[in-house]
Amino acid sequence: STWRSIFAALGPDCGSRNKRPFVPAFRTEMPQNIEMVGEGRYSYTQANEEPTRPMSTDASKSTLFAVFFRLLVKAHCLGHNAIIAPQIGLSVFNHDAAVAQQMIALAAKAYSNLVAAKAEAQ
């Protein structure tokens, strides 16, 4: 079997790295490498948060679900089968494996229900 296409999903980064904007809704606690310098303003005290900490908020999980769901829909629209790996949930979103797997399962279930409903309507 060969790969015909690879889709990459880009979105906000939940990790606390100075190359990305800080998104408080994605964090369960304030990162160790950020200091607040004014109302809604911050600066990084070091490039990356070390060590990185697993996080899981409603906002980060729903964003991760949306990424997986969009990948499934896009592949379907282009006539491709899709394989989704949880790597984006483990690295970019810094979730633990169980959360990433739950969001994949939820996206796959939502996608399957959508496809089934569309088939019934036709």
PDB file of N, CA and C in Angstrom:
ATOM      1  N   SER A   1       0.836  -1.178   0.000  1.00  0.00           N
ATOM      2  CA  SER A   1       0.000   0.000   0.000  1.00  0.00           C
ATOM      3  C   SER A   1       0.883   1.245   0.000  1.00  0.00           C
ATOM      4  N   THR A   2       0.471   2.250  -0.724  1.00  0.00           N
ATOM      5  CA  THR A   2       1.230   3.494  -0.776  1.00  0.00           C
ATOM      6  C   THR A   2       0.336   4.648  -0.351  1.00  0.00           C
ATOM      7  N   TRP A   3       0.958   5.711   0.100  1.00  0.00           N
ATOM      8  CA  TRP A   3       0.221   6.912   0.489  1.00  0.00           C
ATOM      9  C   TRP A   3      -0.037   7.741  -0.759  1.00  0.00           C
ATOM     10  N   ARG A   4      -1.265   8.202  -0.917  1.00  0.00           N
ATOM     11  CA  ARG A   4      -1.587   9.107  -2.018  1.00  0.00           C
ATOM     12  C   ARG A   4      -1.512  10.558  -1.574  1.00  0.00           C
ATOM     13  N   SER A   5      -1.871  10.810  -0.332  1.00  0.00           N
ATOM     14  CA  SER A   5      -1.892  12.182   0.178  1.00  0.00           C
ATOM     15  C   SER A   5      -1.583  12.184   1.666  1.00  0.00           C
ATOM     16  N   ILE A   6      -1.014  13.254   2.111  1.00  0.00           N
ATOM     17  CA  ILE A   6      -0.825  13.476   3.538  1.00  0.00           C
ATOM     18  C   ILE A   6      -1.412  14.844   3.844  1.00  0.00           C
ATOM     19  N   PHE A   7      -2.312  14.892   4.804  1.00  0.00           N
ATOM     20  CA  PHE A   7      -2.932  16.153   5.219  1.00  0.00           C
ATOM     21  C   PHE A   7      -2.346  16.547   6.566  1.00  0.00           C
ATOM     22  N   ALA A   8      -2.008  17.774   6.690  1.00  0.00           N
ATOM     23  CA  ALA A   8      -1.511  18.287   7.967  1.00  0.00           C
ATOM     24  C   ALA A   8      -2.471  19.360   8.443  1.00  0.00           C
ATOM     25  N   ALA A   9      -2.780  19.311   9.697  1.00  0.00           N
ATOM     26  CA  ALA A   9      -3.667  20.309  10.284  1.00  0.00           C
ATOM     27  C   ALA A   9      -2.846  21.272  11.121  1.00  0.00           C
ATOM     28  N   LEU A  10      -3.041  22.525  10.858  1.00  0.00           N
ATOM     29  CA  LEU A  10      -2.350  23.543  11.626  1.00  0.00           C
ATOM     30  C   LEU A  10      -3.364  24.307  12.459  1.00  0.00           C
ATOM     31  N   GLY A  11      -2.954  24.712  13.610  1.00  0.00           N
ATOM     32  CA  GLY A  11      -3.851  25.454  14.486  1.00  0.00           C
ATOM     33  C   GLY A  11      -3.073  26.040  15.636  1.00  0.00           C
ATOM     34  N   PRO A  12      -3.774  26.517  16.630  1.00  0.00           N
ATOM     35  CA  PRO A  12      -3.096  27.116  17.764  1.00  0.00           C
ATOM     36  C   PRO A  12      -2.259  26.096  18.511  1.00  0.00           C
ATOM     37  N   ASP A  13      -1.211  26.553  19.094  1.00  0.00           N
ATOM     38  CA  ASP A  13      -0.279  25.707  19.825  1.00  0.00           C
ATOM     39  C   ASP A  13      -0.548  25.890  21.310  1.00  0.00           C
ATOM     40  N   CYS A  14      -0.833  24.810  21.991  1.00  0.00           N
ATOM     41  CA  CYS A  14      -1.126  24.899  23.424  1.00  0.00           C
ATOM     42  C   CYS A  14       0.134  24.963  24.264  1.00  0.00           C
ATOM     43  N   GLY A  15       1.245  24.596  23.687  1.00  0.00           N
ATOM     44  CA  GLY A  15       2.485  24.650  24.431  1.00  0.00           C
ATOM     45  C   GLY A  15       2.903  26.089  24.677  1.00  0.00           C
ATOM     46  N   SER A  16       3.705  26.281  25.658  1.00  0.00           N
ATOM     47  CA  SER A  16       4.164  27.629  25.986  1.00  0.00           C
ATOM     48  C   SER A  16       5.557  27.825  25.386  1.00  0.00           C
ATOM     49  N   ARG A  17       5.566  28.249  24.113  1.00  0.00           N
ATOM     50  CA  ARG A  17       6.827  28.472  23.403  1.00  0.00           C
ATOM     51  C   ARG A  17       6.799  29.876  22.836  1.00  0.00           C
ATOM     52  N   ASN A  18       7.922  30.560  22.877  1.00  0.00           N
ATOM     53  CA  ASN A  18       7.919  31.966  22.483  1.00  0.00           C
ATOM     54  C   ASN A  18       7.646  32.193  21.005  1.00  0.00           C
ATOM     55  N   LYS A  19       7.642  31.158  20.191  1.00  0.00           N
ATOM     56  CA  LYS A  19       7.321  31.347  18.777  1.00  0.00           C
ATOM     57  C   LYS A  19       5.815  31.311  18.517  1.00  0.00           C
ATOM     58  N   ARG A  20       5.014  31.071  19.564  1.00  0.00           N
ATOM     59  CA  ARG A  20       3.566  31.013  19.422  1.00  0.00           C
ATOM     60  C   ARG A  20       2.905  31.953  20.433  1.00  0.00           C
ATOM     61  N   PRO A  21       1.713  32.459  20.109  1.00  0.00           N
ATOM     62  CA  PRO A  21       0.992  33.268  21.092  1.00  0.00           C
ATOM     63  C   PRO A  21       0.529  32.402  22.263  1.00  0.00           C
ATOM     64  N   PHE A  22       0.511  32.959  23.414  1.00  0.00           N
ATOM     65  CA  PHE A  22       0.021  32.291  24.615  1.00  0.00           C
ATOM     66  C   PHE A  22      -1.503  32.290  24.587  1.00  0.00           C
ATOM     67  N   VAL A  23      -2.126  31.135  24.771  1.00  0.00           N
ATOM     68  CA  VAL A  23      -3.584  31.003  24.765  1.00  0.00           C
ATOM     69  C   VAL A  23      -4.016  30.510  26.153  1.00  0.00           C
ATOM     70  N   PRO A  24      -4.411  31.423  27.026  1.00  0.00           N
ATOM     71  CA  PRO A  24      -4.754  31.022  28.396  1.00  0.00           C
ATOM     72  C   PRO A  24      -5.837  29.940  28.489  1.00  0.00           C
ATOM     73  N   ALA A  25      -6.802  29.941  27.571  1.00  0.00           N
ATOM     74  CA  ALA A  25      -7.886  28.952  27.630  1.00  0.00           C
ATOM     75  C   ALA A  25      -7.394  27.530  27.436  1.00  0.00           C
ATOM     76  N   PHE A  26      -6.204  27.383  26.869  1.00  0.00           N
ATOM     77  CA  PHE A  26      -5.659  26.051  26.637  1.00  0.00           C
ATOM     78  C   PHE A  26      -4.819  25.547  27.802  1.00  0.00           C
ATOM     79  N   ARG A  27      -4.693  26.331  28.827  1.00  0.00           N
ATOM     80  CA  ARG A  27      -3.817  25.975  29.936  1.00  0.00           C
ATOM     81  C   ARG A  27      -4.606  25.727  31.216  1.00  0.00           C
ATOM     82  N   THR A  28      -4.173  24.755  31.983  1.00  0.00           N
ATOM     83  CA  THR A  28      -4.790  24.496  33.283  1.00  0.00           C
ATOM     84  C   THR A  28      -4.113  25.310  34.374  1.00  0.00           C
ATOM     85  N   GLU A  29      -2.931  25.828  34.081  1.00  0.00           N
ATOM     86  CA  GLU A  29      -2.203  26.673  35.026  1.00  0.00           C
ATOM     87  C   GLU A  29      -1.292  27.601  34.242  1.00  0.00           C
ATOM     88  N   MET A  30      -0.837  28.639  34.885  1.00  0.00           N
ATOM     89  CA  MET A  30       0.040  29.595  34.213  1.00  0.00           C
ATOM     90  C   MET A  30       1.387  28.927  33.896  1.00  0.00           C
ATOM     91  N   PRO A  31       1.896  29.084  32.671  1.00  0.00           N
ATOM     92  CA  PRO A  31       3.199  28.515  32.327  1.00  0.00           C
ATOM     93  C   PRO A  31       4.317  29.120  33.173  1.00  0.00           C
ATOM     94  N   GLN A  32       5.347  28.338  33.394  1.00  0.00           N
ATOM     95  CA  GLN A  32       6.479  28.780  34.206  1.00  0.00           C
ATOM     96  C   GLN A  32       7.397  29.741  33.465  1.00  0.00           C
ATOM     97  N   ASN A  33       7.293  29.835  32.160  1.00  0.00           N
ATOM     98  CA  ASN A  33       8.205  30.683  31.383  1.00  0.00           C
ATOM     99  C   ASN A  33       7.554  31.984  30.891  1.00  0.00           C
ATOM    100  N   ILE A  34       6.459  32.380  31.516  1.00  0.00           N
ATOM    101  CA  ILE A  34       5.764  33.616  31.147  1.00  0.00           C
ATOM    102  C   ILE A  34       5.588  34.470  32.393  1.00  0.00           C
ATOM    103  N   GLU A  35       5.800  35.759  32.204  1.00  0.00           N
ATOM    104  CA  GLU A  35       5.463  36.690  33.283  1.00  0.00           C
ATOM    105  C   GLU A  35       4.531  37.750  32.709  1.00  0.00           C
ATOM    106  N   MET A  36       3.559  38.124  33.506  1.00  0.00           N
ATOM    107  CA  MET A  36       2.614  39.147  33.079  1.00  0.00           C
ATOM    108  C   MET A  36       3.277  40.510  33.266  1.00  0.00           C
ATOM    109  N   VAL A  37       3.183  41.364  32.236  1.00  0.00           N
ATOM    110  CA  VAL A  37       3.828  42.688  32.292  1.00  0.00           C
ATOM    111  C   VAL A  37       2.804  43.818  32.197  1.00  0.00           C
ATOM    112  N   GLY A  38       1.545  43.471  32.225  1.00  0.00           N
ATOM    113  CA  GLY A  38       0.479  44.466  32.152  1.00  0.00           C
ATOM    114  C   GLY A  38      -0.845  43.767  31.932  1.00  0.00           C
ATOM    115  N   GLU A  39      -1.897  44.536  31.809  1.00  0.00           N
ATOM    116  CA  GLU A  39      -3.228  43.980  31.583  1.00  0.00           C
ATOM    117  C   GLU A  39      -3.287  43.242  30.241  1.00  0.00           C
ATOM    118  N   GLY A  40      -3.378  41.913  30.304  1.00  0.00           N
ATOM    119  CA  GLY A  40      -3.438  41.101  29.097  1.00  0.00           C
ATOM    120  C   GLY A  40      -2.137  41.047  28.301  1.00  0.00           C
ATOM    121  N   ARG A  41      -1.046  41.524  28.875  1.00  0.00           N
ATOM    122  CA  ARG A  41       0.255  41.505  28.185  1.00  0.00           C
ATOM    123  C   ARG A  41       1.218  40.626  28.962  1.00  0.00           C
ATOM    124  N   TYR A  42       2.068  39.943  28.224  1.00  0.00           N
ATOM    125  CA  TYR A  42       3.013  39.025  28.848  1.00  0.00           C
ATOM    126  C   TYR A  42       4.327  39.050  28.100  1.00  0.00           C
ATOM    127  N   SER A  43       5.320  38.501  28.711  1.00  0.00           N
ATOM    128  CA  SER A  43       6.600  38.299  28.023  1.00  0.00           C
ATOM    129  C   SER A  43       7.137  36.940  28.449  1.00  0.00           C
ATOM    130  N   TYR A  44       7.924  36.362  27.571  1.00  0.00           N
ATOM    131  CA  TYR A  44       8.534  35.069  27.868  1.00  0.00           C
ATOM    132  C   TYR A  44       9.845  35.288  28.620  1.00  0.00           C
ATOM    133  N   THR A  45      10.049  34.500  29.661  1.00  0.00           N
ATOM    134  CA  THR A  45      11.296  34.576  30.421  1.00  0.00           C
ATOM    135  C   THR A  45      12.315  33.587  29.889  1.00  0.00           C
ATOM    136  N   GLN A  46      11.857  32.601  29.148  1.00  0.00           N
ATOM    137  CA  GLN A  46      12.716  31.656  28.429  1.00  0.00           C
ATOM    138  C   GLN A  46      11.929  31.151  27.227  1.00  0.00           C
ATOM    139  N   ALA A  47      12.634  30.620  26.222  1.00  0.00           N
ATOM    140  CA  ALA A  47      11.988  30.255  24.953  1.00  0.00           C
ATOM    141  C   ALA A  47      10.912  29.193  25.121  1.00  0.00           C
ATOM    142  N   ASN A  48      11.184  28.161  25.865  1.00  0.00           N
ATOM    143  CA  ASN A  48      10.258  27.045  26.022  1.00  0.00           C
ATOM    144  C   ASN A  48      10.027  26.752  27.491  1.00  0.00           C
ATOM    145  N   GLU A  49       8.850  26.242  27.784  1.00  0.00           N
ATOM    146  CA  GLU A  49       8.546  25.825  29.152  1.00  0.00           C
ATOM    147  C   GLU A  49       9.237  24.494  29.407  1.00  0.00           C
ATOM    148  N   GLU A  50      10.050  24.421  30.386  1.00  0.00           N
ATOM    149  CA  GLU A  50      10.765  23.187  30.730  1.00  0.00           C
ATOM    150  C   GLU A  50      10.535  22.860  32.193  1.00  0.00           C
ATOM    151  N   PRO A  51      10.085  21.679  32.521  1.00  0.00           N
ATOM    152  CA  PRO A  51       9.600  20.679  31.575  1.00  0.00           C
ATOM    153  C   PRO A  51       8.194  21.047  31.092  1.00  0.00           C
ATOM    154  N   THR A  52       7.831  20.511  29.928  1.00  0.00           N
ATOM    155  CA  THR A  52       6.473  20.748  29.450  1.00  0.00           C
ATOM    156  C   THR A  52       5.526  19.965  30.344  1.00  0.00           C
ATOM    157  N   ARG A  53       4.335  20.452  30.496  1.00  0.00           N
ATOM    158  CA  ARG A  53       3.363  19.817  31.380  1.00  0.00           C
ATOM    159  C   ARG A  53       2.137  19.400  30.577  1.00  0.00           C
ATOM    160  N   PRO A  54       1.670  18.174  30.805  1.00  0.00           N
ATOM    161  CA  PRO A  54       0.417  17.788  30.144  1.00  0.00           C
ATOM    162  C   PRO A  54      -0.707  18.716  30.582  1.00  0.00           C
ATOM    163  N   MET A  55      -1.587  19.021  29.676  1.00  0.00           N
ATOM    164  CA  MET A  55      -2.713  19.879  30.012  1.00  0.00           C
ATOM    165  C   MET A  55      -3.953  19.360  29.299  1.00  0.00           C
ATOM    166  N   SER A  56      -5.086  19.714  29.807  1.00  0.00           N
ATOM    167  CA  SER A  56      -6.326  19.289  29.176  1.00  0.00           C
ATOM    168  C   SER A  56      -7.440  20.189  29.687  1.00  0.00           C
ATOM    169  N   THR A  57      -7.823  21.156  28.882  1.00  0.00           N
ATOM    170  CA  THR A  57      -8.950  22.022  29.225  1.00  0.00           C
ATOM    171  C   THR A  57     -10.061  21.758  28.217  1.00  0.00           C
ATOM    172  N   ASP A  58     -11.251  22.227  28.517  1.00  0.00           N
ATOM    173  CA  ASP A  58     -12.360  22.058  27.566  1.00  0.00           C
ATOM    174  C   ASP A  58     -12.016  22.696  26.222  1.00  0.00           C
ATOM    175  N   ALA A  59     -11.365  23.866  26.258  1.00  0.00           N
ATOM    176  CA  ALA A  59     -11.016  24.564  25.016  1.00  0.00           C
ATOM    177  C   ALA A  59      -9.986  23.780  24.218  1.00  0.00           C
ATOM    178  N   SER A  60      -8.977  23.233  24.882  1.00  0.00           N
ATOM    179  CA  SER A  60      -7.946  22.506  24.133  1.00  0.00           C
ATOM    180  C   SER A  60      -8.485  21.192  23.588  1.00  0.00           C
ATOM    181  N   LYS A  61      -9.339  20.518  24.357  1.00  0.00           N
ATOM    182  CA  LYS A  61      -9.914  19.263  23.869  1.00  0.00           C
ATOM    183  C   LYS A  61     -10.865  19.508  22.697  1.00  0.00           C
ATOM    184  N   SER A  62     -11.678  20.548  22.770  1.00  0.00           N
ATOM    185  CA  SER A  62     -12.608  20.805  21.667  1.00  0.00           C
ATOM    186  C   SER A  62     -11.860  21.225  20.403  1.00  0.00           C
ATOM    187  N   THR A  63     -10.762  21.947  20.565  1.00  0.00           N
ATOM    188  CA  THR A  63      -9.948  22.322  19.410  1.00  0.00           C
ATOM    189  C   THR A  63      -9.307  21.087  18.791  1.00  0.00           C
ATOM    190  N   LEU A  64      -8.812  20.197  19.625  1.00  0.00           N
ATOM    191  CA  LEU A  64      -8.212  18.954  19.133  1.00  0.00           C
ATOM    192  C   LEU A  64      -9.251  18.093  18.419  1.00  0.00           C
ATOM    193  N   PHE A  65     -10.451  17.983  18.990  1.00  0.00           N
ATOM    194  CA  PHE A  65     -11.544  17.262  18.327  1.00  0.00           C
ATOM    195  C   PHE A  65     -11.814  17.856  16.945  1.00  0.00           C
ATOM    196  N   ALA A  66     -11.892  19.190  16.882  1.00  0.00           N
ATOM    197  CA  ALA A  66     -12.180  19.857  15.614  1.00  0.00           C
ATOM    198  C   ALA A  66     -11.102  19.577  14.573  1.00  0.00           C
ATOM    199  N   VAL A  67      -9.854  19.543  14.994  1.00  0.00           N
ATOM    200  CA  VAL A  67      -8.755  19.233  14.065  1.00  0.00           C
ATOM    201  C   VAL A  67      -8.945  17.838  13.486  1.00  0.00           C
ATOM    202  N   PHE A  68      -9.184  16.853  14.337  1.00  0.00           N
ATOM    203  CA  PHE A  68      -9.357  15.475  13.860  1.00  0.00           C
ATOM    204  C   PHE A  68     -10.594  15.355  12.970  1.00  0.00           C
ATOM    205  N   PHE A  69     -11.697  15.978  13.373  1.00  0.00           N
ATOM    206  CA  PHE A  69     -12.928  15.907  12.591  1.00  0.00           C
ATOM    207  C   PHE A  69     -12.748  16.548  11.218  1.00  0.00           C
ATOM    208  N   ARG A  70     -12.105  17.715  11.180  1.00  0.00           N
ATOM    209  CA  ARG A  70     -11.864  18.394   9.901  1.00  0.00           C
ATOM    210  C   ARG A  70     -10.998  17.545   8.977  1.00  0.00           C
ATOM    211  N   LEU A  71     -10.017  16.831   9.530  1.00  0.00           N
ATOM    212  CA  LEU A  71      -9.184  15.965   8.699  1.00  0.00           C
ATOM    213  C   LEU A  71     -10.006  14.838   8.079  1.00  0.00           C
ATOM    214  N   LEU A  72     -10.889  14.248   8.857  1.00  0.00           N
ATOM    215  CA  LEU A  72     -11.742  13.173   8.328  1.00  0.00           C
ATOM    216  C   LEU A  72     -12.661  13.691   7.224  1.00  0.00           C
ATOM    217  N   VAL A  73     -13.292  14.839   7.446  1.00  0.00           N
ATOM    218  CA  VAL A  73     -14.203  15.410   6.453  1.00  0.00           C
ATOM    219  C   VAL A  73     -13.445  15.788   5.181  1.00  0.00           C
ATOM    220  N   LYS A  74     -12.279  16.404   5.330  1.00  0.00           N
ATOM    221  CA  LYS A  74     -11.490  16.809   4.154  1.00  0.00           C
ATOM    222  C   LYS A  74     -11.083  15.592   3.332  1.00  0.00           C
ATOM    223  N   ALA A  75     -10.602  14.556   3.995  1.00  0.00           N
ATOM    224  CA  ALA A  75     -10.217  13.337   3.272  1.00  0.00           C
ATOM    225  C   ALA A  75     -11.420  12.747   2.539  1.00  0.00           C
ATOM    226  N   HIS A  76     -12.564  12.714   3.199  1.00  0.00           N
ATOM    227  CA  HIS A  76     -13.779  12.183   2.578  1.00  0.00           C
ATOM    228  C   HIS A  76     -14.176  12.998   1.348  1.00  0.00           C
ATOM    229  N   CYS A  77     -14.135  14.321   1.473  1.00  0.00           N
ATOM    230  CA  CYS A  77     -14.514  15.193   0.355  1.00  0.00           C
ATOM    231  C   CYS A  77     -13.612  14.994  -0.860  1.00  0.00           C
ATOM    232  N   LEU A  78     -12.372  14.599  -0.608  1.00  0.00           N
ATOM    233  CA  LEU A  78     -11.430  14.361  -1.699  1.00  0.00           C
ATOM    234  C   LEU A  78     -11.415  12.905  -2.151  1.00  0.00           C
ATOM    235  N   GLY A  79     -12.277  12.078  -1.548  1.00  0.00           N
ATOM    236  CA  GLY A  79     -12.372  10.681  -1.941  1.00  0.00           C
ATOM    237  C   GLY A  79     -11.262   9.807  -1.393  1.00  0.00           C
ATOM    238  N   HIS A  80     -10.667  10.198  -0.284  1.00  0.00           N
ATOM    239  CA  HIS A  80      -9.579   9.422   0.327  1.00  0.00           C
ATOM    240  C   HIS A  80     -10.050   8.760   1.609  1.00  0.00           C
ATOM    241  N   ASN A  81      -9.424   7.656   1.943  1.00  0.00           N
ATOM    242  CA  ASN A  81      -9.578   7.085   3.269  1.00  0.00           C
ATOM    243  C   ASN A  81      -8.638   7.859   4.183  1.00  0.00           C
ATOM    244  N   ALA A  82      -8.931   7.878   5.455  1.00  0.00           N
ATOM    245  CA  ALA A  82      -8.102   8.659   6.373  1.00  0.00           C
ATOM    246  C   ALA A  82      -7.581   7.796   7.508  1.00  0.00           C
ATOM    247  N   ILE A  83      -6.351   8.033   7.848  1.00  0.00           N
ATOM    248  CA  ILE A  83      -5.743   7.466   9.047  1.00  0.00           C
ATOM    249  C   ILE A  83      -5.285   8.660   9.863  1.00  0.00           C
ATOM    250  N   ILE A  84      -5.716   8.703  11.109  1.00  0.00           N
ATOM    251  CA  ILE A  84      -5.343   9.834  11.956  1.00  0.00           C
ATOM    252  C   ILE A  84      -4.452   9.324  13.076  1.00  0.00           C
ATOM    253  N   ALA A  85      -3.340   9.966  13.242  1.00  0.00           N
ATOM    254  CA  ALA A  85      -2.417   9.636  14.321  1.00  0.00           C
ATOM    255  C   ALA A  85      -2.548  10.683  15.419  1.00  0.00           C
ATOM    256  N   PRO A  86      -2.418  10.280  16.671  1.00  0.00           N
ATOM    257  CA  PRO A  86      -2.611  11.225  17.767  1.00  0.00           C
ATOM    258  C   PRO A  86      -1.429  12.151  18.007  1.00  0.00           C
ATOM    259  N   GLN A  87      -0.438  12.138  17.144  1.00  0.00           N
ATOM    260  CA  GLN A  87       0.777  12.916  17.409  1.00  0.00           C
ATOM    261  C   GLN A  87       0.501  14.394  17.643  1.00  0.00           C
ATOM    262  N   ILE A  88      -0.429  14.979  16.881  1.00  0.00           N
ATOM    263  CA  ILE A  88      -0.721  16.404  17.075  1.00  0.00           C
ATOM    264  C   ILE A  88      -1.259  16.658  18.479  1.00  0.00           C
ATOM    265  N   GLY A  89      -2.005  15.705  19.012  1.00  0.00           N
ATOM    266  CA  GLY A  89      -2.518  15.866  20.368  1.00  0.00           C
ATOM    267  C   GLY A  89      -1.455  15.707  21.423  1.00  0.00           C
ATOM    268  N   LEU A  90      -0.439  14.933  21.094  1.00  0.00           N
ATOM    269  CA  LEU A  90       0.617  14.680  22.072  1.00  0.00           C
ATOM    270  C   LEU A  90       1.694  15.749  22.054  1.00  0.00           C
ATOM    271  N   SER A  91       1.924  16.342  20.897  1.00  0.00           N
ATOM    272  CA  SER A  91       3.016  17.322  20.822  1.00  0.00           C
ATOM    273  C   SER A  91       2.488  18.744  20.861  1.00  0.00           C
ATOM    274  N   VAL A  92       1.795  19.158  19.835  1.00  0.00           N
ATOM    275  CA  VAL A  92       1.335  20.540  19.755  1.00  0.00           C
ATOM    276  C   VAL A  92       0.402  20.888  20.909  1.00  0.00           C
ATOM    277  N   PHE A  93      -0.525  19.996  21.220  1.00  0.00           N
ATOM    278  CA  PHE A  93      -1.484  20.283  22.275  1.00  0.00           C
ATOM    279  C   PHE A  93      -1.011  19.811  23.640  1.00  0.00           C
ATOM    280  N   ASN A  94       0.047  19.054  23.673  1.00  0.00           N
ATOM    281  CA  ASN A  94       0.649  18.627  24.931  1.00  0.00           C
ATOM    282  C   ASN A  94      -0.348  17.903  25.836  1.00  0.00           C
ATOM    283  N   HIS A  95      -1.255  17.138  25.251  1.00  0.00           N
ATOM    284  CA  HIS A  95      -2.168  16.309  26.026  1.00  0.00           C
ATOM    285  C   HIS A  95      -1.493  14.977  26.314  1.00  0.00           C
ATOM    286  N   ASP A  96      -2.040  14.255  27.254  1.00  0.00           N
ATOM    287  CA  ASP A  96      -1.548  12.894  27.427  1.00  0.00           C
ATOM    288  C   ASP A  96      -2.215  12.009  26.369  1.00  0.00           C
ATOM    289  N   ALA A  97      -1.703  10.801  26.195  1.00  0.00           N
ATOM    290  CA  ALA A  97      -2.178   9.922  25.126  1.00  0.00           C
ATOM    291  C   ALA A  97      -3.662   9.605  25.249  1.00  0.00           C
ATOM    292  N   ALA A  98      -4.161   9.427  26.465  1.00  0.00           N
ATOM    293  CA  ALA A  98      -5.572   9.068  26.654  1.00  0.00           C
ATOM    294  C   ALA A  98      -6.493  10.165  26.124  1.00  0.00           C
ATOM    295  N   VAL A  99      -6.169  11.418  26.364  1.00  0.00           N
ATOM    296  CA  VAL A  99      -7.006  12.523  25.877  1.00  0.00           C
ATOM    297  C   VAL A  99      -6.982  12.569  24.356  1.00  0.00           C
ATOM    298  N   ALA A 100      -5.800  12.441  23.764  1.00  0.00           N
ATOM    299  CA  ALA A 100      -5.701  12.461  22.306  1.00  0.00           C
ATOM    300  C   ALA A 100      -6.509  11.317  21.696  1.00  0.00           C
ATOM    301  N   GLN A 101      -6.425  10.131  22.280  1.00  0.00           N
ATOM    302  CA  GLN A 101      -7.172   8.987  21.774  1.00  0.00           C
ATOM    303  C   GLN A 101      -8.681   9.182  21.930  1.00  0.00           C
ATOM    304  N   GLN A 102      -9.106   9.790  23.039  1.00  0.00           N
ATOM    305  CA  GLN A 102     -10.530  10.066  23.234  1.00  0.00           C
ATOM    306  C   GLN A 102     -11.048  11.031  22.169  1.00  0.00           C
ATOM    307  N   MET A 103     -10.263  12.038  21.829  1.00  0.00           N
ATOM    308  CA  MET A 103     -10.709  13.012  20.833  1.00  0.00           C
ATOM    309  C   MET A 103     -10.736  12.392  19.444  1.00  0.00           C
ATOM    310  N   ILE A 104      -9.801  11.484  19.138  1.00  0.00           N
ATOM    311  CA  ILE A 104      -9.852  10.762  17.870  1.00  0.00           C
ATOM    312  C   ILE A 104     -11.122   9.915  17.813  1.00  0.00           C
ATOM    313  N   ALA A 105     -11.410   9.196  18.900  1.00  0.00           N
ATOM    314  CA  ALA A 105     -12.601   8.336  18.937  1.00  0.00           C
ATOM    315  C   ALA A 105     -13.875   9.162  18.790  1.00  0.00           C
ATOM    316  N   LEU A 106     -13.936  10.293  19.464  1.00  0.00           N
ATOM    317  CA  LEU A 106     -15.114  11.156  19.374  1.00  0.00           C
ATOM    318  C   LEU A 106     -15.274  11.720  17.961  1.00  0.00           C
ATOM    319  N   ALA A 107     -14.180  12.136  17.351  1.00  0.00           N
ATOM    320  CA  ALA A 107     -14.234  12.656  15.979  1.00  0.00           C
ATOM    321  C   ALA A 107     -14.663  11.563  15.004  1.00  0.00           C
ATOM    322  N   ALA A 108     -14.129  10.358  15.179  1.00  0.00           N
ATOM    323  CA  ALA A 108     -14.491   9.247  14.293  1.00  0.00           C
ATOM    324  C   ALA A 108     -15.974   8.899  14.439  1.00  0.00           C
ATOM    325  N   LYS A 109     -16.483   8.923  15.664  1.00  0.00           N
ATOM    326  CA  LYS A 109     -17.902   8.633  15.889  1.00  0.00           C
ATOM    327  C   LYS A 109     -18.779   9.716  15.264  1.00  0.00           C
ATOM    328  N   ALA A 110     -18.423  10.973  15.469  1.00  0.00           N
ATOM    329  CA  ALA A 110     -19.205  12.069  14.882  1.00  0.00           C
ATOM    330  C   ALA A 110     -19.187  11.987  13.357  1.00  0.00           C
ATOM    331  N   TYR A 111     -18.023  11.690  12.797  1.00  0.00           N
ATOM    332  CA  TYR A 111     -17.877  11.572  11.346  1.00  0.00           C
ATOM    333  C   TYR A 111     -18.730  10.405  10.824  1.00  0.00           C
ATOM    334  N   SER A 112     -18.666   9.257  11.497  1.00  0.00           N
ATOM    335  CA  SER A 112     -19.440   8.090  11.074  1.00  0.00           C
ATOM    336  C   SER A 112     -20.937   8.388  11.103  1.00  0.00           C
ATOM    337  N   ASN A 113     -21.387   9.078  12.157  1.00  0.00           N
ATOM    338  CA  ASN A 113     -22.795   9.447  12.238  1.00  0.00           C
ATOM    339  C   ASN A 113     -23.191  10.404  11.127  1.00  0.00           C
ATOM    340  N   LEU A 114     -22.317  11.317  10.781  1.00  0.00           N
ATOM    341  CA  LEU A 114     -22.585  12.255   9.700  1.00  0.00           C
ATOM    342  C   LEU A 114     -22.702  11.533   8.359  1.00  0.00           C
ATOM    343  N   VAL A 115     -21.784  10.627   8.090  1.00  0.00           N
ATOM    344  CA  VAL A 115     -21.805   9.867   6.834  1.00  0.00           C
ATOM    345  C   VAL A 115     -23.048   8.991   6.773  1.00  0.00           C
ATOM    346  N   ALA A 116     -23.404   8.352   7.889  1.00  0.00           N
ATOM    347  CA  ALA A 116     -24.595   7.499   7.918  1.00  0.00           C
ATOM    348  C   ALA A 116     -25.861   8.311   7.681  1.00  0.00           C
ATOM    349  N   ALA A 117     -25.946   9.485   8.298  1.00  0.00           N
ATOM    350  CA  ALA A 117     -27.132  10.338   8.115  1.00  0.00           C
ATOM    351  C   ALA A 117     -27.244  10.810   6.665  1.00  0.00           C
ATOM    352  N   LYS A 118     -26.096  11.125   6.064  1.00  0.00           N
ATOM    353  CA  LYS A 118     -26.101  11.563   4.668  1.00  0.00           C
ATOM    354  C   LYS A 118     -26.562  10.424   3.753  1.00  0.00           C
ATOM    355  N   ALA A 119     -26.099   9.199   4.035  1.00  0.00           N
ATOM    356  CA  ALA A 119     -26.481   8.040   3.226  1.00  0.00           C
ATOM    357  C   ALA A 119     -27.974   7.758   3.340  1.00  0.00           C
ATOM    358  N   GLU A 120     -28.525   7.903   4.538  1.00  0.00           N
ATOM    359  CA  GLU A 120     -29.960   7.675   4.752  1.00  0.00           C
ATOM    360  C   GLU A 120     -30.806   8.714   4.030  1.00  0.00           C
ATOM    361  N   ALA A 121     -30.297   9.944   3.975  1.00  0.00           N
ATOM    362  CA  ALA A 121     -31.043  11.021   3.341  1.00  0.00           C
ATOM    363  C   ALA A 121     -31.126  10.858   1.829  1.00  0.00           C
ATOM    364  N   GLN A 122     -30.183  10.135   1.273  1.00  0.00           N
ATOM    365  CA  GLN A 122     -30.166   9.967  -0.187  1.00  0.00           C
ATOM    366  C   GLN A 122     -31.022   8.843  -0.571  1.00  0.00           C
TER     367      GLN A 122
END
